[in-house]
Amino acid sequence: MLSKPSRRKRWQSMLNRRINELIEVAKHIEPETEIIIHEPFEDEDAVVEFLVPPEKFDDVYESVTHKSTQIWWEDGFDIVVWVHEKKPVEVKEAE
């Protein structure tokens, strides 16, 4: 049986691998996707935010939501995904 630190390290490694799979799904659809990984708020294992151009929002949202559900069913990791549209450059500059 693995020691507690070894189990934790293995669990974290598996979680990181699954987070990277989510990122790959988003980047496959939109290579310029910005990724922000947040600290979990409550009982979730991870929170990943994806910032995408408006025209790619639906595709990325559907894909990463589907993948996070698949991960939950397969490994039990509760990875919350947030997908937001990037603000156009001219809007950012006006702020």
PDB file of N, CA and C in Angstrom:
ATOM      1  N   MET A   1       0.832  -1.177   0.000  1.00  0.00           N
ATOM      2  CA  MET A   1       0.000   0.000   0.000  1.00  0.00           C
ATOM      3  C   MET A   1       0.881   1.246   0.000  1.00  0.00           C
ATOM      4  N   LEU A   2       0.481   2.230  -0.796  1.00  0.00           N
ATOM      5  CA  LEU A   2       1.247   3.472  -0.883  1.00  0.00           C
ATOM      6  C   LEU A   2       1.055   4.317   0.374  1.00  0.00           C
ATOM      7  N   SER A   3       2.098   5.052   0.738  1.00  0.00           N
ATOM      8  CA  SER A   3       1.997   5.965   1.874  1.00  0.00           C
ATOM      9  C   SER A   3       1.088   7.129   1.489  1.00  0.00           C
ATOM     10  N   LYS A   4       0.609   7.833   2.494  1.00  0.00           N
ATOM     11  CA  LYS A   4      -0.300   8.952   2.240  1.00  0.00           C
ATOM     12  C   LYS A   4       0.317  10.006   1.321  1.00  0.00           C
ATOM     13  N   PRO A   5       1.584  10.431   1.526  1.00  0.00           N
ATOM     14  CA  PRO A   5       2.178  11.397   0.592  1.00  0.00           C
ATOM     15  C   PRO A   5       2.278  10.843  -0.837  1.00  0.00           C
ATOM     16  N   SER A   6       2.553   9.550  -0.959  1.00  0.00           N
ATOM     17  CA  SER A   6       2.646   8.946  -2.296  1.00  0.00           C
ATOM     18  C   SER A   6       1.281   8.910  -2.968  1.00  0.00           C
ATOM     19  N   ARG A   7       0.238   8.590  -2.208  1.00  0.00           N
ATOM     20  CA  ARG A   7      -1.118   8.584  -2.781  1.00  0.00           C
ATOM     21  C   ARG A   7      -1.515   9.981  -3.210  1.00  0.00           C
ATOM     22  N   ARG A   8      -1.199  10.973  -2.378  1.00  0.00           N
ATOM     23  CA  ARG A   8      -1.531  12.363  -2.703  1.00  0.00           C
ATOM     24  C   ARG A   8      -0.795  12.809  -3.970  1.00  0.00           C
ATOM     25  N   LYS A   9       0.478  12.440  -4.072  1.00  0.00           N
ATOM     26  CA  LYS A   9       1.278  12.806  -5.241  1.00  0.00           C
ATOM     27  C   LYS A   9       0.713  12.137  -6.499  1.00  0.00           C
ATOM     28  N   ARG A  10       0.316  10.885  -6.380  1.00  0.00           N
ATOM     29  CA  ARG A  10      -0.254  10.157  -7.522  1.00  0.00           C
ATOM     30  C   ARG A  10      -1.594  10.777  -7.931  1.00  0.00           C
ATOM     31  N   TRP A  11      -2.430  11.112  -6.923  1.00  0.00           N
ATOM     32  CA  TRP A  11      -3.713  11.745  -7.184  1.00  0.00           C
ATOM     33  C   TRP A  11      -3.515  13.078  -7.906  1.00  0.00           C
ATOM     34  N   GLN A  12      -2.568  13.898  -7.426  1.00  0.00           N
ATOM     35  CA  GLN A  12      -2.296  15.202  -8.029  1.00  0.00           C
ATOM     36  C   GLN A  12      -1.783  15.045  -9.455  1.00  0.00           C
ATOM     37  N   SER A  13      -0.958  14.045  -9.673  1.00  0.00           N
ATOM     38  CA  SER A  13      -0.435  13.779 -11.013  1.00  0.00           C
ATOM     39  C   SER A  13      -1.562  13.408 -11.976  1.00  0.00           C
ATOM     40  N   MET A  14      -2.481  12.565 -11.518  1.00  0.00           N
ATOM     41  CA  MET A  14      -3.625  12.179 -12.359  1.00  0.00           C
ATOM     42  C   MET A  14      -4.516  13.386 -12.642  1.00  0.00           C
ATOM     43  N   LEU A  15      -4.753  14.210 -11.616  1.00  0.00           N
ATOM     44  CA  LEU A  15      -5.572  15.400 -11.796  1.00  0.00           C
ATOM     45  C   LEU A  15      -4.927  16.348 -12.803  1.00  0.00           C
ATOM     46  N   ASN A  16      -3.632  16.578 -12.683  1.00  0.00           N
ATOM     47  CA  ASN A  16      -2.922  17.454 -13.624  1.00  0.00           C
ATOM     48  C   ASN A  16      -3.010  16.926 -15.045  1.00  0.00           C
ATOM     49  N   ARG A  17      -2.905  15.615 -15.196  1.00  0.00           N
ATOM     50  CA  ARG A  17      -3.010  15.011 -16.531  1.00  0.00           C
ATOM     51  C   ARG A  17      -4.391  15.276 -17.121  1.00  0.00           C
ATOM     52  N   ARG A  18      -5.432  15.147 -16.300  1.00  0.00           N
ATOM     53  CA  ARG A  18      -6.788  15.368 -16.786  1.00  0.00           C
ATOM     54  C   ARG A  18      -7.037  16.853 -17.084  1.00  0.00           C
ATOM     55  N   ILE A  19      -6.487  17.748 -16.291  1.00  0.00           N
ATOM     56  CA  ILE A  19      -6.597  19.185 -16.583  1.00  0.00           C
ATOM     57  C   ILE A  19      -5.922  19.486 -17.917  1.00  0.00           C
ATOM     58  N   ASN A  20      -4.758  18.904 -18.145  1.00  0.00           N
ATOM     59  CA  ASN A  20      -4.056  19.104 -19.417  1.00  0.00           C
ATOM     60  C   ASN A  20      -4.870  18.580 -20.594  1.00  0.00           C
ATOM     61  N   GLU A  21      -5.601  17.497 -20.404  1.00  0.00           N
ATOM     62  CA  GLU A  21      -6.474  16.992 -21.471  1.00  0.00           C
ATOM     63  C   GLU A  21      -7.560  18.010 -21.800  1.00  0.00           C
ATOM     64  N   LEU A  22      -8.142  18.630 -20.778  1.00  0.00           N
ATOM     65  CA  LEU A  22      -9.145  19.673 -21.021  1.00  0.00           C
ATOM     66  C   LEU A  22      -8.547  20.843 -21.800  1.00  0.00           C
ATOM     67  N   ILE A  23      -7.365  21.244 -21.415  1.00  0.00           N
ATOM     68  CA  ILE A  23      -6.689  22.350 -22.098  1.00  0.00           C
ATOM     69  C   ILE A  23      -6.418  21.985 -23.553  1.00  0.00           C
ATOM     70  N   GLU A  24      -5.981  20.758 -23.809  1.00  0.00           N
ATOM     71  CA  GLU A  24      -5.725  20.309 -25.177  1.00  0.00           C
ATOM     72  C   GLU A  24      -6.996  20.353 -26.025  1.00  0.00           C
ATOM     73  N   VAL A  25      -8.130  19.972 -25.441  1.00  0.00           N
ATOM     74  CA  VAL A  25      -9.405  20.012 -26.166  1.00  0.00           C
ATOM     75  C   VAL A  25      -9.700  21.444 -26.608  1.00  0.00           C
ATOM     76  N   ALA A  26      -9.560  22.390 -25.678  1.00  0.00           N
ATOM     77  CA  ALA A  26      -9.841  23.796 -25.999  1.00  0.00           C
ATOM     78  C   ALA A  26      -8.850  24.340 -27.023  1.00  0.00           C
ATOM     79  N   LYS A  27      -7.567  24.033 -26.846  1.00  0.00           N
ATOM     80  CA  LYS A  27      -6.529  24.546 -27.753  1.00  0.00           C
ATOM     81  C   LYS A  27      -6.641  23.928 -29.147  1.00  0.00           C
ATOM     82  N   HIS A  28      -7.179  22.724 -29.233  1.00  0.00           N
ATOM     83  CA  HIS A  28      -7.390  22.098 -30.545  1.00  0.00           C
ATOM     84  C   HIS A  28      -8.426  22.896 -31.342  1.00  0.00           C
ATOM     85  N   ILE A  29      -9.440  23.389 -30.657  1.00  0.00           N
ATOM     86  CA  ILE A  29     -10.493  24.179 -31.314  1.00  0.00           C
ATOM     87  C   ILE A  29     -10.016  25.597 -31.579  1.00  0.00           C
ATOM     88  N   GLU A  30      -9.372  26.199 -30.580  1.00  0.00           N
ATOM     89  CA  GLU A  30      -8.889  27.575 -30.701  1.00  0.00           C
ATOM     90  C   GLU A  30      -7.509  27.678 -30.046  1.00  0.00           C
ATOM     91  N   PRO A  31      -6.450  27.635 -30.881  1.00  0.00           N
ATOM     92  CA  PRO A  31      -5.084  27.653 -30.333  1.00  0.00           C
ATOM     93  C   PRO A  31      -4.764  28.866 -29.461  1.00  0.00           C
ATOM     94  N   GLU A  32      -5.468  29.978 -29.648  1.00  0.00           N
ATOM     95  CA  GLU A  32      -5.202  31.193 -28.877  1.00  0.00           C
ATOM     96  C   GLU A  32      -6.008  31.263 -27.574  1.00  0.00           C
ATOM     97  N   THR A  33      -6.624  30.159 -27.189  1.00  0.00           N
ATOM     98  CA  THR A  33      -7.382  30.130 -25.932  1.00  0.00           C
ATOM     99  C   THR A  33      -6.469  30.490 -24.766  1.00  0.00           C
ATOM    100  N   GLU A  34      -6.950  31.381 -23.917  1.00  0.00           N
ATOM    101  CA  GLU A  34      -6.221  31.725 -22.693  1.00  0.00           C
ATOM    102  C   GLU A  34      -6.769  30.852 -21.568  1.00  0.00           C
ATOM    103  N   ILE A  35      -5.875  30.345 -20.746  1.00  0.00           N
ATOM    104  CA  ILE A  35      -6.248  29.431 -19.667  1.00  0.00           C
ATOM    105  C   ILE A  35      -5.884  30.057 -18.325  1.00  0.00           C
ATOM    106  N   ILE A  36      -6.827  30.010 -17.396  1.00  0.00           N
ATOM    107  CA  ILE A  36      -6.565  30.453 -16.027  1.00  0.00           C
ATOM    108  C   ILE A  36      -7.019  29.327 -15.103  1.00  0.00           C
ATOM    109  N   ILE A  37      -6.123  28.847 -14.277  1.00  0.00           N
ATOM    110  CA  ILE A  37      -6.474  27.806 -13.318  1.00  0.00           C
ATOM    111  C   ILE A  37      -6.643  28.466 -11.953  1.00  0.00           C
ATOM    112  N   HIS A  38      -7.826  28.318 -11.393  1.00  0.00           N
ATOM    113  CA  HIS A  38      -8.169  28.926 -10.110  1.00  0.00           C
ATOM    114  C   HIS A  38      -8.086  27.888  -8.995  1.00  0.00           C
ATOM    115  N   GLU A  39      -7.941  28.377  -7.784  1.00  0.00           N
ATOM    116  CA  GLU A  39      -8.018  27.501  -6.618  1.00  0.00           C
ATOM    117  C   GLU A  39      -9.463  27.019  -6.483  1.00  0.00           C
ATOM    118  N   PRO A  40      -9.661  25.761  -6.115  1.00  0.00           N
ATOM    119  CA  PRO A  40     -11.032  25.289  -5.876  1.00  0.00           C
ATOM    120  C   PRO A  40     -11.696  26.103  -4.768  1.00  0.00           C
ATOM    121  N   PHE A  41     -13.023  26.282  -4.877  1.00  0.00           N
ATOM    122  CA  PHE A  41     -13.759  27.080  -3.912  1.00  0.00           C
ATOM    123  C   PHE A  41     -14.275  26.245  -2.745  1.00  0.00           C
ATOM    124  N   GLU A  42     -14.775  25.059  -3.053  1.00  0.00           N
ATOM    125  CA  GLU A  42     -15.366  24.224  -2.016  1.00  0.00           C
ATOM    126  C   GLU A  42     -14.837  22.801  -2.155  1.00  0.00           C
ATOM    127  N   ASP A  43     -15.679  21.898  -2.634  1.00  0.00           N
ATOM    128  CA  ASP A  43     -15.295  20.490  -2.709  1.00  0.00           C
ATOM    129  C   ASP A  43     -14.792  20.053  -4.084  1.00  0.00           C
ATOM    130  N   GLU A  44     -14.809  20.951  -5.061  1.00  0.00           N
ATOM    131  CA  GLU A  44     -14.338  20.553  -6.389  1.00  0.00           C
ATOM    132  C   GLU A  44     -12.819  20.327  -6.351  1.00  0.00           C
ATOM    133  N   ASP A  45     -12.333  19.583  -7.327  1.00  0.00           N
ATOM    134  CA  ASP A  45     -10.904  19.273  -7.384  1.00  0.00           C
ATOM    135  C   ASP A  45     -10.106  20.354  -8.104  1.00  0.00           C
ATOM    136  N   ALA A  46     -10.744  21.031  -9.058  1.00  0.00           N
ATOM    137  CA  ALA A  46     -10.053  22.072  -9.822  1.00  0.00           C
ATOM    138  C   ALA A  46     -11.086  22.975 -10.485  1.00  0.00           C
ATOM    139  N   VAL A  47     -10.659  24.197 -10.797  1.00  0.00           N
ATOM    140  CA  VAL A  47     -11.486  25.147 -11.542  1.00  0.00           C
ATOM    141  C   VAL A  47     -10.610  25.696 -12.666  1.00  0.00           C
ATOM    142  N   VAL A  48     -11.068  25.514 -13.901  1.00  0.00           N
ATOM    143  CA  VAL A  48     -10.296  25.951 -15.064  1.00  0.00           C
ATOM    144  C   VAL A  48     -11.156  26.915 -15.875  1.00  0.00           C
ATOM    145  N   GLU A  49     -10.595  28.079 -16.151  1.00  0.00           N
ATOM    146  CA  GLU A  49     -11.289  29.107 -16.932  1.00  0.00           C
ATOM    147  C   GLU A  49     -10.654  29.201 -18.313  1.00  0.00           C
ATOM    148  N   PHE A  50     -11.501  29.255 -19.321  1.00  0.00           N
ATOM    149  CA  PHE A  50     -11.058  29.353 -20.715  1.00  0.00           C
ATOM    150  C   PHE A  50     -11.582  30.660 -21.289  1.00  0.00           C
ATOM    151  N   LEU A  51     -10.697  31.474 -21.851  1.00  0.00           N
ATOM    152  CA  LEU A  51     -11.080  32.724 -22.508  1.00  0.00           C
ATOM    153  C   LEU A  51     -10.880  32.542 -24.004  1.00  0.00           C
ATOM    154  N   VAL A  52     -11.987  32.664 -24.750  1.00  0.00           N
ATOM    155  CA  VAL A  52     -11.953  32.364 -26.184  1.00  0.00           C
ATOM    156  C   VAL A  52     -12.620  33.489 -26.977  1.00  0.00           C
ATOM    157  N   PRO A  53     -12.294  33.590 -28.274  1.00  0.00           N
ATOM    158  CA  PRO A  53     -12.989  34.565 -29.117  1.00  0.00           C
ATOM    159  C   PRO A  53     -14.483  34.227 -29.176  1.00  0.00           C
ATOM    160  N   PRO A  54     -15.331  35.249 -29.324  1.00  0.00           N
ATOM    161  CA  PRO A  54     -16.783  35.012 -29.344  1.00  0.00           C
ATOM    162  C   PRO A  54     -17.222  33.951 -30.352  1.00  0.00           C
ATOM    163  N   GLU A  55     -16.595  33.916 -31.511  1.00  0.00           N
ATOM    164  CA  GLU A  55     -17.018  32.963 -32.547  1.00  0.00           C
ATOM    165  C   GLU A  55     -16.661  31.509 -32.209  1.00  0.00           C
ATOM    166  N   LYS A  56     -15.814  31.291 -31.224  1.00  0.00           N
ATOM    167  CA  LYS A  56     -15.424  29.934 -30.824  1.00  0.00           C
ATOM    168  C   LYS A  56     -16.056  29.510 -29.503  1.00  0.00           C
ATOM    169  N   PHE A  57     -16.830  30.418 -28.886  1.00  0.00           N
ATOM    170  CA  PHE A  57     -17.389  30.140 -27.569  1.00  0.00           C
ATOM    171  C   PHE A  57     -18.186  28.834 -27.523  1.00  0.00           C
ATOM    172  N   ASP A  58     -19.160  28.687 -28.398  1.00  0.00           N
ATOM    173  CA  ASP A  58     -20.034  27.502 -28.358  1.00  0.00           C
ATOM    174  C   ASP A  58     -19.253  26.210 -28.528  1.00  0.00           C
ATOM    175  N   ASP A  59     -18.331  26.184 -29.494  1.00  0.00           N
ATOM    176  CA  ASP A  59     -17.555  24.966 -29.748  1.00  0.00           C
ATOM    177  C   ASP A  59     -16.692  24.587 -28.544  1.00  0.00           C
ATOM    178  N   VAL A  60     -16.001  25.570 -27.983  1.00  0.00           N
ATOM    179  CA  VAL A  60     -15.141  25.285 -26.834  1.00  0.00           C
ATOM    180  C   VAL A  60     -15.986  24.901 -25.628  1.00  0.00           C
ATOM    181  N   TYR A  61     -17.066  25.632 -25.383  1.00  0.00           N
ATOM    182  CA  TYR A  61     -17.930  25.349 -24.242  1.00  0.00           C
ATOM    183  C   TYR A  61     -18.450  23.913 -24.293  1.00  0.00           C
ATOM    184  N   GLU A  62     -19.006  23.522 -25.427  1.00  0.00           N
ATOM    185  CA  GLU A  62     -19.556  22.167 -25.561  1.00  0.00           C
ATOM    186  C   GLU A  62     -18.470  21.105 -25.384  1.00  0.00           C
ATOM    187  N   SER A  63     -17.320  21.333 -25.961  1.00  0.00           N
ATOM    188  CA  SER A  63     -16.250  20.342 -25.915  1.00  0.00           C
ATOM    189  C   SER A  63     -15.661  20.171 -24.523  1.00  0.00           C
ATOM    190  N   VAL A  64     -15.347  21.278 -23.840  1.00  0.00           N
ATOM    191  CA  VAL A  64     -14.732  21.135 -22.514  1.00  0.00           C
ATOM    192  C   VAL A  64     -15.755  20.682 -21.475  1.00  0.00           C
ATOM    193  N   THR A  65     -17.019  21.054 -21.644  1.00  0.00           N
ATOM    194  CA  THR A  65     -18.058  20.576 -20.729  1.00  0.00           C
ATOM    195  C   THR A  65     -18.240  19.070 -20.886  1.00  0.00           C
ATOM    196  N   HIS A  66     -18.274  18.623 -22.129  1.00  0.00           N
ATOM    197  CA  HIS A  66     -18.387  17.184 -22.394  1.00  0.00           C
ATOM    198  C   HIS A  66     -17.184  16.440 -21.811  1.00  0.00           C
ATOM    199  N   LYS A  67     -15.982  16.971 -22.035  1.00  0.00           N
ATOM    200  CA  LYS A  67     -14.762  16.316 -21.543  1.00  0.00           C
ATOM    201  C   LYS A  67     -14.716  16.297 -20.019  1.00  0.00           C
ATOM    202  N   SER A  68     -15.113  17.380 -19.363  1.00  0.00           N
ATOM    203  CA  SER A  68     -15.081  17.394 -17.890  1.00  0.00           C
ATOM    204  C   SER A  68     -16.084  16.389 -17.320  1.00  0.00           C
ATOM    205  N   THR A  69     -17.219  16.224 -17.987  1.00  0.00           N
ATOM    206  CA  THR A  69     -18.200  15.220 -17.557  1.00  0.00           C
ATOM    207  C   THR A  69     -17.629  13.813 -17.745  1.00  0.00           C
ATOM    208  N   GLN A  70     -16.966  13.596 -18.863  1.00  0.00           N
ATOM    209  CA  GLN A  70     -16.324  12.302 -19.130  1.00  0.00           C
ATOM    210  C   GLN A  70     -15.273  11.993 -18.053  1.00  0.00           C
ATOM    211  N   ILE A  71     -14.477  12.986 -17.700  1.00  0.00           N
ATOM    212  CA  ILE A  71     -13.453  12.817 -16.666  1.00  0.00           C
ATOM    213  C   ILE A  71     -14.106  12.470 -15.327  1.00  0.00           C
ATOM    214  N   TRP A  72     -15.198  13.142 -15.008  1.00  0.00           N
ATOM    215  CA  TRP A  72     -15.899  12.866 -13.760  1.00  0.00           C
ATOM    216  C   TRP A  72     -16.398  11.424 -13.717  1.00  0.00           C
ATOM    217  N   TRP A  73     -16.981  10.966 -14.834  1.00  0.00           N
ATOM    218  CA  TRP A  73     -17.478   9.586 -14.891  1.00  0.00           C
ATOM    219  C   TRP A  73     -16.344   8.569 -14.818  1.00  0.00           C
ATOM    220  N   GLU A  74     -15.229   8.855 -15.473  1.00  0.00           N
ATOM    221  CA  GLU A  74     -14.133   7.887 -15.540  1.00  0.00           C
ATOM    222  C   GLU A  74     -13.274   7.863 -14.277  1.00  0.00           C
ATOM    223  N   ASP A  75     -12.935   9.042 -13.739  1.00  0.00           N
ATOM    224  CA  ASP A  75     -11.976   9.109 -12.632  1.00  0.00           C
ATOM    225  C   ASP A  75     -12.538   9.735 -11.360  1.00  0.00           C
ATOM    226  N   GLY A  76     -13.708  10.336 -11.434  1.00  0.00           N
ATOM    227  CA  GLY A  76     -14.305  10.960 -10.262  1.00  0.00           C
ATOM    228  C   GLY A  76     -13.773  12.343  -9.939  1.00  0.00           C
ATOM    229  N   PHE A  77     -12.963  12.933 -10.841  1.00  0.00           N
ATOM    230  CA  PHE A  77     -12.465  14.281 -10.603  1.00  0.00           C
ATOM    231  C   PHE A  77     -13.559  15.295 -10.925  1.00  0.00           C
ATOM    232  N   ASP A  78     -13.811  16.185  -9.984  1.00  0.00           N
ATOM    233  CA  ASP A  78     -14.787  17.245 -10.181  1.00  0.00           C
ATOM    234  C   ASP A  78     -14.031  18.496 -10.638  1.00  0.00           C
ATOM    235  N   ILE A  79     -13.950  18.656 -11.953  1.00  0.00           N
ATOM    236  CA  ILE A  79     -13.245  19.797 -12.532  1.00  0.00           C
ATOM    237  C   ILE A  79     -14.296  20.752 -13.102  1.00  0.00           C
ATOM    238  N   VAL A  80     -14.401  21.915 -12.480  1.00  0.00           N
ATOM    239  CA  VAL A  80     -15.349  22.932 -12.929  1.00  0.00           C
ATOM    240  C   VAL A  80     -14.709  23.677 -14.097  1.00  0.00           C
ATOM    241  N   VAL A  81     -15.474  23.842 -15.187  1.00  0.00           N
ATOM    242  CA  VAL A  81     -14.956  24.587 -16.337  1.00  0.00           C
ATOM    243  C   VAL A  81     -15.814  25.835 -16.544  1.00  0.00           C
ATOM    244  N   TRP A  82     -15.135  26.950 -16.722  1.00  0.00           N
ATOM    245  CA  TRP A  82     -15.781  28.206 -17.066  1.00  0.00           C
ATOM    246  C   TRP A  82     -15.263  28.604 -18.439  1.00  0.00           C
ATOM    247  N   VAL A  83     -16.173  28.934 -19.339  1.00  0.00           N
ATOM    248  CA  VAL A  83     -15.767  29.423 -20.651  1.00  0.00           C
ATOM    249  C   VAL A  83     -16.352  30.827 -20.804  1.00  0.00           C
ATOM    250  N   HIS A  84     -15.478  31.759 -21.127  1.00  0.00           N
ATOM    251  CA  HIS A  84     -15.889  33.156 -21.302  1.00  0.00           C
ATOM    252  C   HIS A  84     -15.353  33.672 -22.630  1.00  0.00           C
ATOM    253  N   GLU A  85     -16.092  34.615 -23.181  1.00  0.00           N
ATOM    254  CA  GLU A  85     -15.626  35.268 -24.403  1.00  0.00           C
ATOM    255  C   GLU A  85     -14.569  36.299 -24.038  1.00  0.00           C
ATOM    256  N   LYS A  86     -13.499  36.325 -24.838  1.00  0.00           N
ATOM    257  CA  LYS A  86     -12.493  37.381 -24.678  1.00  0.00           C
ATOM    258  C   LYS A  86     -13.114  38.694 -25.119  1.00  0.00           C
ATOM    259  N   LYS A  87     -12.753  39.757 -24.423  1.00  0.00           N
ATOM    260  CA  LYS A  87     -13.178  41.077 -24.856  1.00  0.00           C
ATOM    261  C   LYS A  87     -12.362  41.470 -26.076  1.00  0.00           C
ATOM    262  N   PRO A  88     -13.001  42.094 -27.071  1.00  0.00           N
ATOM    263  CA  PRO A  88     -12.213  42.594 -28.200  1.00  0.00           C
ATOM    264  C   PRO A  88     -11.186  43.610 -27.726  1.00  0.00           C
ATOM    265  N   VAL A  89     -10.078  43.731 -28.438  1.00  0.00           N
ATOM    266  CA  VAL A  89      -8.985  44.617 -28.054  1.00  0.00           C
ATOM    267  C   VAL A  89      -9.468  46.036 -27.868  1.00  0.00           C
ATOM    268  N   GLU A  90     -10.336  46.543 -28.755  1.00  0.00           N
ATOM    269  CA  GLU A  90     -10.781  47.925 -28.656  1.00  0.00           C
ATOM    270  C   GLU A  90     -11.616  48.155 -27.380  1.00  0.00           C
ATOM    271  N   VAL A  91     -12.319  47.161 -26.893  1.00  0.00           N
ATOM    272  CA  VAL A  91     -13.062  47.291 -25.645  1.00  0.00           C
ATOM    273  C   VAL A  91     -12.104  47.339 -24.467  1.00  0.00           C
ATOM    274  N   LYS A  92     -11.087  46.498 -24.486  1.00  0.00           N
ATOM    275  CA  LYS A  92     -10.086  46.495 -23.405  1.00  0.00           C
ATOM    276  C   LYS A  92      -9.391  47.846 -23.310  1.00  0.00           C
ATOM    277  N   GLU A  93      -9.069  48.445 -24.462  1.00  0.00           N
ATOM    278  CA  GLU A  93      -8.342  49.712 -24.483  1.00  0.00           C
ATOM    279  C   GLU A  93      -9.215  50.856 -23.969  1.00  0.00           C
ATOM    280  N   ALA A  94     -10.525  50.781 -24.178  1.00  0.00           N
ATOM    281  CA  ALA A  94     -11.434  51.835 -23.752  1.00  0.00           C
ATOM    282  C   ALA A  94     -11.640  51.850 -22.244  1.00  0.00           C
ATOM    283  N   GLU A  95     -11.356  50.745 -21.572  1.00  0.00           N
ATOM    284  CA  GLU A  95     -11.588  50.662 -20.119  1.00  0.00           C
ATOM    285  C   GLU A  95     -10.577  51.400 -19.335  1.00  0.00           C
TER     286      GLU A  95
END
